[in-house]
PDB file of N, CA and C in Angstrom:
ATOM      1  N   MET A   1      70.823  94.235  82.176  1.00  0.00           N
ATOM      2  CA  MET A   1      71.347  94.016  83.247  1.00  0.00           C
ATOM      3  C   MET A   1      70.455  92.647  83.790  1.00  0.00           C
ATOM      4  N   GLU A   2      69.352  92.453  83.465  1.00  0.00           N
ATOM      5  CA  GLU A   2      68.644  91.177  83.610  1.00  0.00           C
ATOM      6  C   GLU A   2      69.232  90.004  83.172  1.00  0.00           C
ATOM      7  N   ARG A   3      69.915  89.699  82.185  1.00  0.00           N
ATOM      8  CA  ARG A   3      70.492  88.511  81.664  1.00  0.00           C
ATOM      9  C   ARG A   3      71.661  88.488  82.370  1.00  0.00           C
ATOM     10  N   LYS A   4      72.334  89.508  82.635  1.00  0.00           N
ATOM     11  CA  LYS A   4      73.619  89.336  83.469  1.00  0.00           C
ATOM     12  C   LYS A   4      73.195  88.865  84.723  1.00  0.00           C
ATOM     13  N   GLN A   5      72.215  89.180  85.556  1.00  0.00           N
ATOM     14  CA  GLN A   5      71.724  88.844  86.976  1.00  0.00           C
ATOM     15  C   GLN A   5      71.485  87.438  86.893  1.00  0.00           C
ATOM     16  N   ALA A   6      70.736  86.786  85.858  1.00  0.00           N
ATOM     17  CA  ALA A   6      70.278  85.558  85.490  1.00  0.00           C
ATOM     18  C   ALA A   6      71.607  84.632  85.371  1.00  0.00           C
ATOM     19  N   ALA A   7      72.606  85.133  84.436  1.00  0.00           N
ATOM     20  CA  ALA A   7      73.630  84.373  84.164  1.00  0.00           C
ATOM     21  C   ALA A   7      74.712  84.013  85.418  1.00  0.00           C
ATOM     22  N   SER A   8      74.608  85.086  86.060  1.00  0.00           N
ATOM     23  CA  SER A   8      75.324  84.991  87.469  1.00  0.00           C
ATOM     24  C   SER A   8      74.899  83.961  88.414  1.00  0.00           C
ATOM     25  N   ALA A   9      73.429  84.177  88.242  1.00  0.00           N
ATOM     26  CA  ALA A   9      72.594  83.006  89.174  1.00  0.00           C
ATOM     27  C   ALA A   9      72.882  81.729  88.747  1.00  0.00           C
ATOM     28  N   PHE A  10      72.781  81.546  87.655  1.00  0.00           N
ATOM     29  CA  PHE A  10      72.762  80.241  86.830  1.00  0.00           C
ATOM     30  C   PHE A  10      74.387  79.795  87.175  1.00  0.00           C
ATOM     31  N   TYR A  11      75.268  80.402  86.999  1.00  0.00           N
ATOM     32  CA  TYR A  11      76.741  80.137  87.298  1.00  0.00           C
ATOM     33  C   TYR A  11      77.103  79.787  88.641  1.00  0.00           C
ATOM     34  N   THR A  12      76.605  80.481  89.512  1.00  0.00           N
ATOM     35  CA  THR A  12      77.031  80.251  90.924  1.00  0.00           C
ATOM     36  C   THR A  12      76.217  79.204  91.401  1.00  0.00           C
ATOM     37  N   SER A  13      75.273  78.673  90.809  1.00  0.00           N
ATOM     38  CA  SER A  13      74.199  77.382  91.467  1.00  0.00           C
ATOM     39  C   SER A  13      74.923  76.246  90.605  1.00  0.00           C
ATOM     40  N   GLY A  14      75.817  76.397  89.766  1.00  0.00           N
ATOM     41  CA  GLY A  14      76.550  75.121  89.002  1.00  0.00           C
ATOM     42  C   GLY A  14      76.057  74.821  87.843  1.00  0.00           C
ATOM     43  N   ARG A  15      74.931  75.396  87.338  1.00  0.00           N
ATOM     44  CA  ARG A  15      74.018  75.128  86.098  1.00  0.00           C
ATOM     45  C   ARG A  15      75.085  75.531  84.977  1.00  0.00           C
ATOM     46  N   GLY A  16      74.724  74.956  83.780  1.00  0.00           N
ATOM     47  CA  GLY A  16      75.498  75.289  82.703  1.00  0.00           C
ATOM     48  C   GLY A  16      74.510  76.282  81.728  1.00  0.00           C
ATOM     49  N   LEU A  17      75.106  77.309  80.986  1.00  0.00           N
ATOM     50  CA  LEU A  17      74.494  78.237  80.609  1.00  0.00           C
ATOM     51  C   LEU A  17      74.317  78.075  78.770  1.00  0.00           C
ATOM     52  N   TYR A  18      73.250  77.667  78.215  1.00  0.00           N
ATOM     53  CA  TYR A  18      73.180  77.840  76.663  1.00  0.00           C
ATOM     54  C   TYR A  18      72.222  78.727  76.128  1.00  0.00           C
ATOM     55  N   TYR A  19      72.728  79.174  74.697  1.00  0.00           N
ATOM     56  CA  TYR A  19      71.944  79.966  74.278  1.00  0.00           C
ATOM     57  C   TYR A  19      71.162  79.485  72.972  1.00  0.00           C
ATOM     58  N   PHE A  20      70.082  80.005  72.331  1.00  0.00           N
ATOM     59  CA  PHE A  20      69.761  79.163  71.014  1.00  0.00           C
ATOM     60  C   PHE A  20      69.181  80.452  70.111  1.00  0.00           C
ATOM     61  N   HIS A  21      69.674  80.146  69.063  1.00  0.00           N
ATOM     62  CA  HIS A  21      68.865  81.062  68.194  1.00  0.00           C
ATOM     63  C   HIS A  21      68.764  80.253  66.686  1.00  0.00           C
ATOM     64  N   ALA A  22      67.806  80.363  66.099  1.00  0.00           N
ATOM     65  CA  ALA A  22      67.866  79.645  64.804  1.00  0.00           C
ATOM     66  C   ALA A  22      68.607  80.431  63.607  1.00  0.00           C
ATOM     67  N   PRO A  23      68.860  79.754  62.571  1.00  0.00           N
ATOM     68  CA  PRO A  23      69.533  80.233  61.691  1.00  0.00           C
ATOM     69  C   PRO A  23      69.073  81.536  61.143  1.00  0.00           C
ATOM     70  N   SER A  24      67.731  81.576  60.979  1.00  0.00           N
ATOM     71  CA  SER A  24      67.273  82.814  60.406  1.00  0.00           C
ATOM     72  C   SER A  24      66.942  83.966  61.418  1.00  0.00           C
ATOM     73  N   GLY A  25      67.573  83.803  62.801  1.00  0.00           N
ATOM     74  CA  GLY A  25      67.542  84.580  63.620  1.00  0.00           C
ATOM     75  C   GLY A  25      66.597  84.517  64.657  1.00  0.00           C
ATOM     76  N   SER A  26      65.326  83.906  64.139  1.00  0.00           N
ATOM     77  CA  SER A  26      64.280  83.912  65.217  1.00  0.00           C
ATOM     78  C   SER A  26      63.636  82.645  64.984  1.00  0.00           C
ATOM     79  N   PRO A  27      63.552  81.936  66.288  1.00  0.00           N
ATOM     80  CA  PRO A  27      63.523  82.210  67.443  1.00  0.00           C
ATOM     81  C   PRO A  27      64.883  82.680  68.213  1.00  0.00           C
ATOM     82  N   GLU A  28      64.699  83.506  69.254  1.00  0.00           N
ATOM     83  CA  GLU A  28      66.186  83.321  69.753  1.00  0.00           C
ATOM     84  C   GLU A  28      65.777  83.532  71.337  1.00  0.00           C
ATOM     85  N   LEU A  29      66.348  82.460  72.233  1.00  0.00           N
ATOM     86  CA  LEU A  29      66.125  82.178  73.408  1.00  0.00           C
ATOM     87  C   LEU A  29      67.213  82.610  74.210  1.00  0.00           C
ATOM     88  N   ASP A  30      66.972  83.414  75.293  1.00  0.00           N
ATOM     89  CA  ASP A  30      68.102  84.072  76.286  1.00  0.00           C
ATOM     90  C   ASP A  30      69.042  82.725  76.817  1.00  0.00           C
ATOM     91  N   PHE A  31      68.159  81.661  77.487  1.00  0.00           N
ATOM     92  CA  PHE A  31      68.888  80.752  77.881  1.00  0.00           C
ATOM     93  C   PHE A  31      68.481  79.691  77.904  1.00  0.00           C
ATOM     94  N   LEU A  32      69.026  78.323  77.731  1.00  0.00           N
ATOM     95  CA  LEU A  32      68.599  77.185  78.064  1.00  0.00           C
ATOM     96  C   LEU A  32      69.293  76.402  79.087  1.00  0.00           C
ATOM     97  N   THR A  33      68.543  75.778  79.967  1.00  0.00           N
ATOM     98  CA  THR A  33      69.667  75.231  81.164  1.00  0.00           C
ATOM     99  C   THR A  33      69.205  73.829  81.054  1.00  0.00           C
ATOM    100  N   GLU A  34      70.224  72.607  81.594  1.00  0.00           N
ATOM    101  CA  GLU A  34      69.696  71.513  81.462  1.00  0.00           C
ATOM    102  C   GLU A  34      70.218  71.006  83.123  1.00  0.00           C
ATOM    103  N   ASP A  35      69.355  70.177  83.555  1.00  0.00           N
ATOM    104  CA  ASP A  35      69.397  69.246  84.823  1.00  0.00           C
ATOM    105  C   ASP A  35      69.131  67.883  84.690  1.00  0.00           C
ATOM    106  N   GLU A  36      70.005  66.813  84.621  1.00  0.00           N
ATOM    107  CA  GLU A  36      69.753  65.828  84.273  1.00  0.00           C
ATOM    108  C   GLU A  36      69.009  65.062  83.075  1.00  0.00           C
ATOM    109  N   GLY A  37      69.227  65.652  82.290  1.00  0.00           N
ATOM    110  CA  GLY A  37      68.664  65.621  80.813  1.00  0.00           C
ATOM    111  C   GLY A  37      67.255  66.199  80.673  1.00  0.00           C
ATOM    112  N   ASP A  38      66.778  67.125  81.533  1.00  0.00           N
ATOM    113  CA  ASP A  38      65.681  68.161  81.883  1.00  0.00           C
ATOM    114  C   ASP A  38      65.871  69.368  81.092  1.00  0.00           C
ATOM    115  N   VAL A  39      65.554  69.817  79.960  1.00  0.00           N
ATOM    116  CA  VAL A  39      66.025  71.167  79.545  1.00  0.00           C
ATOM    117  C   VAL A  39      64.843  72.303  79.986  1.00  0.00           C
ATOM    118  N   THR A  40      65.244  73.298  80.441  1.00  0.00           N
ATOM    119  CA  THR A  40      64.352  74.350  80.651  1.00  0.00           C
ATOM    120  C   THR A  40      64.872  75.633  79.697  1.00  0.00           C
ATOM    121  N   ILE A  41      63.613  76.407  79.199  1.00  0.00           N
ATOM    122  CA  ILE A  41      63.893  77.579  78.679  1.00  0.00           C
ATOM    123  C   ILE A  41      63.722  78.653  79.333  1.00  0.00           C
ATOM    124  N   VAL A  42      64.651  79.602  79.702  1.00  0.00           N
ATOM    125  CA  VAL A  42      64.832  80.729  80.491  1.00  0.00           C
ATOM    126  C   VAL A  42      64.825  82.076  79.503  1.00  0.00           C
ATOM    127  N   GLU A  43      63.646  82.945  79.879  1.00  0.00           N
ATOM    128  CA  GLU A  43      63.871  84.349  79.184  1.00  0.00           C
ATOM    129  C   GLU A  43      63.925  85.284  80.194  1.00  0.00           C
ATOM    130  N   CYS A  44      64.567  86.487  80.191  1.00  0.00           N
ATOM    131  CA  CYS A  44      64.642  87.370  80.874  1.00  0.00           C
ATOM    132  C   CYS A  44      64.406  88.758  80.328  1.00  0.00           C
ATOM    133  N   LYS A  45      63.307  89.522  81.001  1.00  0.00           N
ATOM    134  CA  LYS A  45      62.845  90.762  80.475  1.00  0.00           C
ATOM    135  C   LYS A  45      62.747  91.720  81.610  1.00  0.00           C
ATOM    136  N   ALA A  46      63.261  92.969  80.918  1.00  0.00           N
ATOM    137  CA  ALA A  46      63.108  94.057  81.930  1.00  0.00           C
ATOM    138  C   ALA A  46      61.897  94.565  82.555  1.00  0.00           C
ATOM    139  N   THR A  47      60.970  94.330  81.747  1.00  0.00           N
ATOM    140  CA  THR A  47      59.622  94.715  81.800  1.00  0.00           C
ATOM    141  C   THR A  47      58.833  93.579  81.750  1.00  0.00           C
ATOM    142  N   ASN A  48      57.357  93.354  81.944  1.00  0.00           N
ATOM    143  CA  ASN A  48      56.650  92.153  81.666  1.00  0.00           C
ATOM    144  C   ASN A  48      56.232  92.289  80.287  1.00  0.00           C
ATOM    145  N   ASN A  49      57.418  91.969  79.558  1.00  0.00           N
ATOM    146  CA  ASN A  49      57.035  91.754  78.012  1.00  0.00           C
ATOM    147  C   ASN A  49      56.615  90.427  77.701  1.00  0.00           C
ATOM    148  N   ARG A  50      56.325  90.273  76.420  1.00  0.00           N
ATOM    149  CA  ARG A  50      55.670  89.374  75.857  1.00  0.00           C
ATOM    150  C   ARG A  50      56.302  87.738  75.681  1.00  0.00           C
ATOM    151  N   ALA A  51      57.626  87.982  75.866  1.00  0.00           N
ATOM    152  CA  ALA A  51      58.537  86.622  75.453  1.00  0.00           C
ATOM    153  C   ALA A  51      58.040  85.738  74.332  1.00  0.00           C
ATOM    154  N   THR A  52      58.265  86.582  73.075  1.00  0.00           N
ATOM    155  CA  THR A  52      57.472  86.100  71.918  1.00  0.00           C
ATOM    156  C   THR A  52      58.332  84.971  71.670  1.00  0.00           C
ATOM    157  N   SER A  53      59.649  84.849  71.517  1.00  0.00           N
ATOM    158  CA  SER A  53      60.380  83.617  70.951  1.00  0.00           C
ATOM    159  C   SER A  53      59.957  82.563  71.773  1.00  0.00           C
ATOM    160  N   MET A  54      60.265  82.462  72.925  1.00  0.00           N
ATOM    161  CA  MET A  54      59.819  81.547  74.136  1.00  0.00           C
ATOM    162  C   MET A  54      58.191  81.096  73.815  1.00  0.00           C
ATOM    163  N   LYS A  55      57.430  81.764  73.681  1.00  0.00           N
ATOM    164  CA  LYS A  55      55.860  81.300  73.333  1.00  0.00           C
ATOM    165  C   LYS A  55      55.775  80.714  72.106  1.00  0.00           C
ATOM    166  N   TYR A  56      56.742  81.044  70.991  1.00  0.00           N
ATOM    167  CA  TYR A  56      56.916  80.420  69.746  1.00  0.00           C
ATOM    168  C   TYR A  56      57.112  79.223  69.767  1.00  0.00           C
ATOM    169  N   VAL A  57      58.398  78.994  70.646  1.00  0.00           N
ATOM    170  CA  VAL A  57      58.861  77.703  70.829  1.00  0.00           C
ATOM    171  C   VAL A  57      58.060  76.689  71.583  1.00  0.00           C
ATOM    172  N   ILE A  58      57.345  77.243  72.522  1.00  0.00           N
ATOM    173  CA  ILE A  58      56.326  76.425  73.423  1.00  0.00           C
ATOM    174  C   ILE A  58      55.194  75.640  72.633  1.00  0.00           C
ATOM    175  N   ALA A  59      54.759  76.559  71.705  1.00  0.00           N
ATOM    176  CA  ALA A  59      53.438  76.530  70.584  1.00  0.00           C
ATOM    177  C   ALA A  59      53.972  75.687  69.521  1.00  0.00           C
ATOM    178  N   ASN A  60      55.181  75.151  69.473  1.00  0.00           N
ATOM    179  CA  ASN A  60      55.503  74.238  68.447  1.00  0.00           C
ATOM    180  C   ASN A  60      56.401  73.218  69.082  1.00  0.00           C
ATOM    181  N   PRO A  61      55.934  72.447  69.471  1.00  0.00           N
ATOM    182  CA  PRO A  61      56.647  71.188  70.182  1.00  0.00           C
ATOM    183  C   PRO A  61      56.707  70.078  69.040  1.00  0.00           C
ATOM    184  N   THR A  62      56.235  69.965  67.960  1.00  0.00           N
ATOM    185  CA  THR A  62      56.671  69.101  66.791  1.00  0.00           C
ATOM    186  C   THR A  62      57.971  69.562  66.422  1.00  0.00           C
ATOM    187  N   LYS A  63      58.200  70.729  66.210  1.00  0.00           N
ATOM    188  CA  LYS A  63      59.322  71.371  65.598  1.00  0.00           C
ATOM    189  C   LYS A  63      60.517  71.318  66.656  1.00  0.00           C
ATOM    190  N   TYR A  64      60.153  71.837  67.596  1.00  0.00           N
ATOM    191  CA  TYR A  64      61.346  72.358  68.839  1.00  0.00           C
ATOM    192  C   TYR A  64      61.160  71.343  69.954  1.00  0.00           C
ATOM    193  N   GLY A  65      60.297  70.338  70.138  1.00  0.00           N
ATOM    194  CA  GLY A  65      60.132  69.674  71.371  1.00  0.00           C
ATOM    195  C   GLY A  65      59.338  70.182  72.413  1.00  0.00           C
ATOM    196  N   LYS A  66      59.223  69.450  73.162  1.00  0.00           N
ATOM    197  CA  LYS A  66      58.469  69.944  74.398  1.00  0.00           C
ATOM    198  C   LYS A  66      59.277  70.145  75.801  1.00  0.00           C
ATOM    199  N   TYR A  67      59.383  71.428  76.168  1.00  0.00           N
ATOM    200  CA  TYR A  67      60.499  71.648  77.426  1.00  0.00           C
ATOM    201  C   TYR A  67      59.320  72.661  78.439  1.00  0.00           C
ATOM    202  N   ARG A  68      59.994  72.735  79.447  1.00  0.00           N
ATOM    203  CA  ARG A  68      59.663  73.454  80.783  1.00  0.00           C
ATOM    204  C   ARG A  68      60.152  75.202  80.424  1.00  0.00           C
ATOM    205  N   ALA A  69      59.461  76.033  80.886  1.00  0.00           N
ATOM    206  CA  ALA A  69      59.936  77.278  80.215  1.00  0.00           C
ATOM    207  C   ALA A  69      59.541  78.292  81.286  1.00  0.00           C
ATOM    208  N   ILE A  70      60.723  78.981  81.800  1.00  0.00           N
ATOM    209  CA  ILE A  70      60.281  80.068  82.734  1.00  0.00           C
ATOM    210  C   ILE A  70      60.664  81.509  82.278  1.00  0.00           C
ATOM    211  N   LYS A  71      60.187  82.630  82.999  1.00  0.00           N
ATOM    212  CA  LYS A  71      60.487  83.914  82.731  1.00  0.00           C
ATOM    213  C   LYS A  71      60.463  84.606  83.783  1.00  0.00           C
ATOM    214  N   PHE A  72      61.654  85.239  83.874  1.00  0.00           N
ATOM    215  CA  PHE A  72      62.041  86.232  84.857  1.00  0.00           C
ATOM    216  C   PHE A  72      61.895  87.791  84.409  1.00  0.00           C
ATOM    217  N   SER A  73      61.076  88.556  85.044  1.00  0.00           N
ATOM    218  CA  SER A  73      60.806  89.854  84.722  1.00  0.00           C
ATOM    219  C   SER A  73      60.508  90.685  86.060  1.00  0.00           C
ATOM    220  N   ASP A  74      60.075  91.922  85.559  1.00  0.00           N
ATOM    221  CA  ASP A  74      59.896  92.809  86.737  1.00  0.00           C
ATOM    222  C   ASP A  74      58.324  92.967  86.776  1.00  0.00           C
ATOM    223  N   THR A  75      58.153  91.622  87.496  1.00  0.00           N
ATOM    224  CA  THR A  75      56.600  91.491  87.872  1.00  0.00           C
ATOM    225  C   THR A  75      56.470  90.468  89.077  1.00  0.00           C
ATOM    226  N   ASN A  76      55.271  90.092  89.282  1.00  0.00           N
ATOM    227  CA  ASN A  76      55.177  89.189  90.421  1.00  0.00           C
ATOM    228  C   ASN A  76      55.280  87.663  89.930  1.00  0.00           C
ATOM    229  N   ILE A  77      55.063  86.519  90.783  1.00  0.00           N
ATOM    230  CA  ILE A  77      55.269  85.334  90.380  1.00  0.00           C
ATOM    231  C   ILE A  77      53.775  84.872  89.864  1.00  0.00           C
ATOM    232  N   GLY A  78      53.912  84.244  88.780  1.00  0.00           N
ATOM    233  CA  GLY A  78      52.441  83.857  87.879  1.00  0.00           C
ATOM    234  C   GLY A  78      52.684  82.738  87.161  1.00  0.00           C
ATOM    235  N   GLY A  79      51.795  82.420  86.370  1.00  0.00           N
ATOM    236  CA  GLY A  79      51.839  81.179  85.261  1.00  0.00           C
ATOM    237  C   GLY A  79      50.691  81.422  84.247  1.00  0.00           C
ATOM    238  N   GLY A  80      50.896  80.331  83.331  1.00  0.00           N
ATOM    239  CA  GLY A  80      50.357  80.594  82.305  1.00  0.00           C
ATOM    240  C   GLY A  80      50.620  80.542  80.865  1.00  0.00           C
ATOM    241  N   ASP A  81      49.932  80.209  79.818  1.00  0.00           N
ATOM    242  CA  ASP A  81      50.620  80.295  78.512  1.00  0.00           C
ATOM    243  C   ASP A  81      51.829  79.419  78.415  1.00  0.00           C
ATOM    244  N   GLY A  82      52.059  78.240  79.261  1.00  0.00           N
ATOM    245  CA  GLY A  82      52.876  77.176  79.266  1.00  0.00           C
ATOM    246  C   GLY A  82      54.096  77.497  79.865  1.00  0.00           C
ATOM    247  N   PHE A  83      54.248  78.527  80.698  1.00  0.00           N
ATOM    248  CA  PHE A  83      55.620  78.941  81.365  1.00  0.00           C
ATOM    249  C   PHE A  83      55.094  79.735  82.658  1.00  0.00           C
ATOM    250  N   ASP A  84      55.864  79.618  83.498  1.00  0.00           N
ATOM    251  CA  ASP A  84      55.801  80.102  85.015  1.00  0.00           C
ATOM    252  C   ASP A  84      56.601  81.811  84.708  1.00  0.00           C
ATOM    253  N   THR A  85      56.247  82.547  85.604  1.00  0.00           N
ATOM    254  CA  THR A  85      56.681  83.688  85.705  1.00  0.00           C
ATOM    255  C   THR A  85      57.180  84.271  87.082  1.00  0.00           C
ATOM    256  N   TYR A  86      58.439  84.613  87.249  1.00  0.00           N
ATOM    257  CA  TYR A  86      58.995  85.060  88.543  1.00  0.00           C
ATOM    258  C   TYR A  86      59.774  86.225  88.640  1.00  0.00           C
ATOM    259  N   PRO A  87      59.883  87.092  89.689  1.00  0.00           N
ATOM    260  CA  PRO A  87      60.404  88.265  89.682  1.00  0.00           C
ATOM    261  C   PRO A  87      61.997  88.132  89.343  1.00  0.00           C
ATOM    262  N   LEU A  88      62.447  89.318  88.961  1.00  0.00           N
ATOM    263  CA  LEU A  88      63.854  89.022  88.583  1.00  0.00           C
ATOM    264  C   LEU A  88      64.941  88.582  89.521  1.00  0.00           C
ATOM    265  N   TYR A  89      64.476  88.909  90.803  1.00  0.00           N
ATOM    266  CA  TYR A  89      65.189  88.742  92.240  1.00  0.00           C
ATOM    267  C   TYR A  89      65.165  87.124  92.429  1.00  0.00           C
ATOM    268  N   ALA A  90      64.496  86.438  91.931  1.00  0.00           N
ATOM    269  CA  ALA A  90      64.114  85.170  92.190  1.00  0.00           C
ATOM    270  C   ALA A  90      65.383  84.208  91.472  1.00  0.00           C
ATOM    271  N   ALA A  91      65.964  84.933  90.399  1.00  0.00           N
ATOM    272  CA  ALA A  91      66.920  84.339  89.691  1.00  0.00           C
ATOM    273  C   ALA A  91      67.921  83.685  90.808  1.00  0.00           C
ATOM    274  N   GLU A  92      68.158  84.541  91.864  1.00  0.00           N
ATOM    275  CA  GLU A  92      69.450  84.308  92.711  1.00  0.00           C
ATOM    276  C   GLU A  92      69.281  83.141  93.609  1.00  0.00           C
ATOM    277  N   PHE A  93      67.856  82.565  93.545  1.00  0.00           N
ATOM    278  CA  PHE A  93      67.367  81.525  94.377  1.00  0.00           C
ATOM    279  C   PHE A  93      67.626  80.119  93.932  1.00  0.00           C
ATOM    280  N   ILE A  94      67.794  80.216  92.540  1.00  0.00           N
ATOM    281  CA  ILE A  94      67.960  78.608  91.897  1.00  0.00           C
ATOM    282  C   ILE A  94      69.178  77.889  92.260  1.00  0.00           C
ATOM    283  N   THR A  95      68.708  76.629  92.705  1.00  0.00           N
ATOM    284  CA  THR A  95      69.575  75.544  92.812  1.00  0.00           C
ATOM    285  C   THR A  95      69.781  74.403  91.934  1.00  0.00           C
ATOM    286  N   LYS A  96      70.685  73.898  91.988  1.00  0.00           N
ATOM    287  CA  LYS A  96      71.277  72.946  90.869  1.00  0.00           C
ATOM    288  C   LYS A  96      70.101  71.676  91.047  1.00  0.00           C
ATOM    289  N   ASP A  97      69.967  71.335  92.021  1.00  0.00           N
ATOM    290  CA  ASP A  97      69.288  69.858  92.439  1.00  0.00           C
ATOM    291  C   ASP A  97      67.790  70.276  92.471  1.00  0.00           C
ATOM    292  N   GLN A  98      67.306  71.131  92.113  1.00  0.00           N
ATOM    293  CA  GLN A  98      65.973  71.368  92.147  1.00  0.00           C
ATOM    294  C   GLN A  98      65.123  71.208  90.580  1.00  0.00           C
ATOM    295  N   LYS A  99      64.220  70.486  90.677  1.00  0.00           N
ATOM    296  CA  LYS A  99      63.873  69.971  89.238  1.00  0.00           C
ATOM    297  C   LYS A  99      62.814  70.972  88.889  1.00  0.00           C
ATOM    298  N   ARG A 100      61.328  71.110  89.819  1.00  0.00           N
ATOM    299  CA  ARG A 100      60.462  71.753  89.352  1.00  0.00           C
ATOM    300  C   ARG A 100      60.239  72.993  89.808  1.00  0.00           C
ATOM    301  N   ASN A 101      61.098  73.622  90.789  1.00  0.00           N
ATOM    302  CA  ASN A 101      60.725  74.868  91.249  1.00  0.00           C
ATOM    303  C   ASN A 101      62.041  75.692  91.178  1.00  0.00           C
ATOM    304  N   VAL A 102      61.741  76.844  90.911  1.00  0.00           N
ATOM    305  CA  VAL A 102      62.723  77.791  90.644  1.00  0.00           C
ATOM    306  C   VAL A 102      63.221  78.265  92.135  1.00  0.00           C
ATOM    307  N   VAL A 103      62.230  78.772  92.865  1.00  0.00           N
ATOM    308  CA  VAL A 103      62.349  79.153  94.216  1.00  0.00           C
ATOM    309  C   VAL A 103      62.080  77.834  95.121  1.00  0.00           C
ATOM    310  N   PRO A 104      62.828  77.615  96.278  1.00  0.00           N
ATOM    311  CA  PRO A 104      62.354  76.364  97.068  1.00  0.00           C
ATOM    312  C   PRO A 104      61.288  76.646  97.931  1.00  0.00           C
ATOM    313  N   GLU A 105      60.444  75.483  97.857  1.00  0.00           N
ATOM    314  CA  GLU A 105      59.264  75.853  98.550  1.00  0.00           C
ATOM    315  C   GLU A 105      59.462  75.957  99.983  1.00  0.00           C
ATOM    316  N   VAL A 106      58.523  76.753 100.855  1.00  0.00           N
ATOM    317  CA  VAL A 106      58.683  77.005 102.206  1.00  0.00           C
ATOM    318  C   VAL A 106      57.521  76.631 102.758  1.00  0.00           C
ATOM    319  N   GLU A 107      57.407  75.694 103.865  1.00  0.00           N
ATOM    320  CA  GLU A 107      56.559  75.261 104.952  1.00  0.00           C
ATOM    321  C   GLU A 107      56.097  76.447 105.816  1.00  0.00           C
ATOM    322  N   VAL A 108      55.238  77.259 105.531  1.00  0.00           N
ATOM    323  CA  VAL A 108      55.001  78.495 106.177  1.00  0.00           C
ATOM    324  C   VAL A 108      54.684  77.918 107.813  1.00  0.00           C
ATOM    325  N   GLY A 109      54.066  76.888 107.857  1.00  0.00           N
ATOM    326  CA  GLY A 109      53.758  76.447 109.214  1.00  0.00           C
ATOM    327  C   GLY A 109      54.797  76.150 110.266  1.00  0.00           C
ATOM    328  N   LYS A 110      55.958  75.966 109.541  1.00  0.00           N
ATOM    329  CA  LYS A 110      57.304  75.640 110.333  1.00  0.00           C
ATOM    330  C   LYS A 110      58.000  76.994 110.654  1.00  0.00           C
ATOM    331  N   LEU A 111      57.628  78.162 110.241  1.00  0.00           N
ATOM    332  CA  LEU A 111      58.422  79.318 110.392  1.00  0.00           C
ATOM    333  C   LEU A 111      58.332  79.929 111.784  1.00  0.00           C
ATOM    334  N   LYS A 112      59.212  80.137 112.194  1.00  0.00           N
ATOM    335  CA  LYS A 112      59.288  80.758 113.773  1.00  0.00           C
ATOM    336  C   LYS A 112      59.766  82.189 113.819  1.00  0.00           C
ATOM    337  N   ILE A 113      59.293  82.948 114.395  1.00  0.00           N
ATOM    338  CA  ILE A 113      59.666  84.297 114.649  1.00  0.00           C
ATOM    339  C   ILE A 113      60.913  84.345 115.795  1.00  0.00           C
ATOM    340  N   PRO A 114      62.128  84.815 115.320  1.00  0.00           N
ATOM    341  CA  PRO A 114      63.198  84.728 116.307  1.00  0.00           C
ATOM    342  C   PRO A 114      62.732  85.701 117.802  1.00  0.00           C
ATOM    343  N   ASP A 115      63.299  85.209 118.647  1.00  0.00           N
ATOM    344  CA  ASP A 115      63.028  85.410 119.949  1.00  0.00           C
ATOM    345  C   ASP A 115      63.606  87.059 120.285  1.00  0.00           C
ATOM    346  N   ASN A 116      64.661  87.511 119.458  1.00  0.00           N
ATOM    347  CA  ASN A 116      65.147  88.707 119.529  1.00  0.00           C
ATOM    348  C   ASN A 116      64.341  89.654 118.564  1.00  0.00           C
ATOM    349  N   ALA A 117      63.561  89.273 117.895  1.00  0.00           N
ATOM    350  CA  ALA A 117      62.812  90.124 116.643  1.00  0.00           C
ATOM    351  C   ALA A 117      62.210  91.149 117.335  1.00  0.00           C
ATOM    352  N   ALA A 118      62.251  92.255 116.761  1.00  0.00           N
ATOM    353  CA  ALA A 118      61.394  93.423 117.008  1.00  0.00           C
ATOM    354  C   ALA A 118      60.125  93.242 116.485  1.00  0.00           C
ATOM    355  N   LEU A 119      59.037  93.556 117.459  1.00  0.00           N
ATOM    356  CA  LEU A 119      57.399  93.456 117.175  1.00  0.00           C
ATOM    357  C   LEU A 119      57.314  95.027 116.475  1.00  0.00           C
ATOM    358  N   LEU A 120      56.798  94.797 115.558  1.00  0.00           N
ATOM    359  CA  LEU A 120      55.922  96.219 114.952  1.00  0.00           C
ATOM    360  C   LEU A 120      54.918  96.834 115.523  1.00  0.00           C
TER     361      LEU A 120
END
């Protein structure tokens, strides 16, 4: 289901969907997406698994090139190991014109509570 959710989010945002797997079968990457020549590796995991293929590609830039990478999984926002991690629901917030952030940045100081909002 995770790959279908991400595929739907990519399609509705106007991004192309690409898949990669080496002739040997490994590494195998869930998605590659391109925006104005910048390629991003995208892995989708049901749980916070290791994303072994993605980590292998990141660790071997001479062989595969250097790319931005993100992982969607059943976890919180995080980073490290050469990629960013986002919760699965964040795939719905992908926009085509965004280069660095999967989820748009929010200026918290500009947020306002609607007048008709119920107070807890």
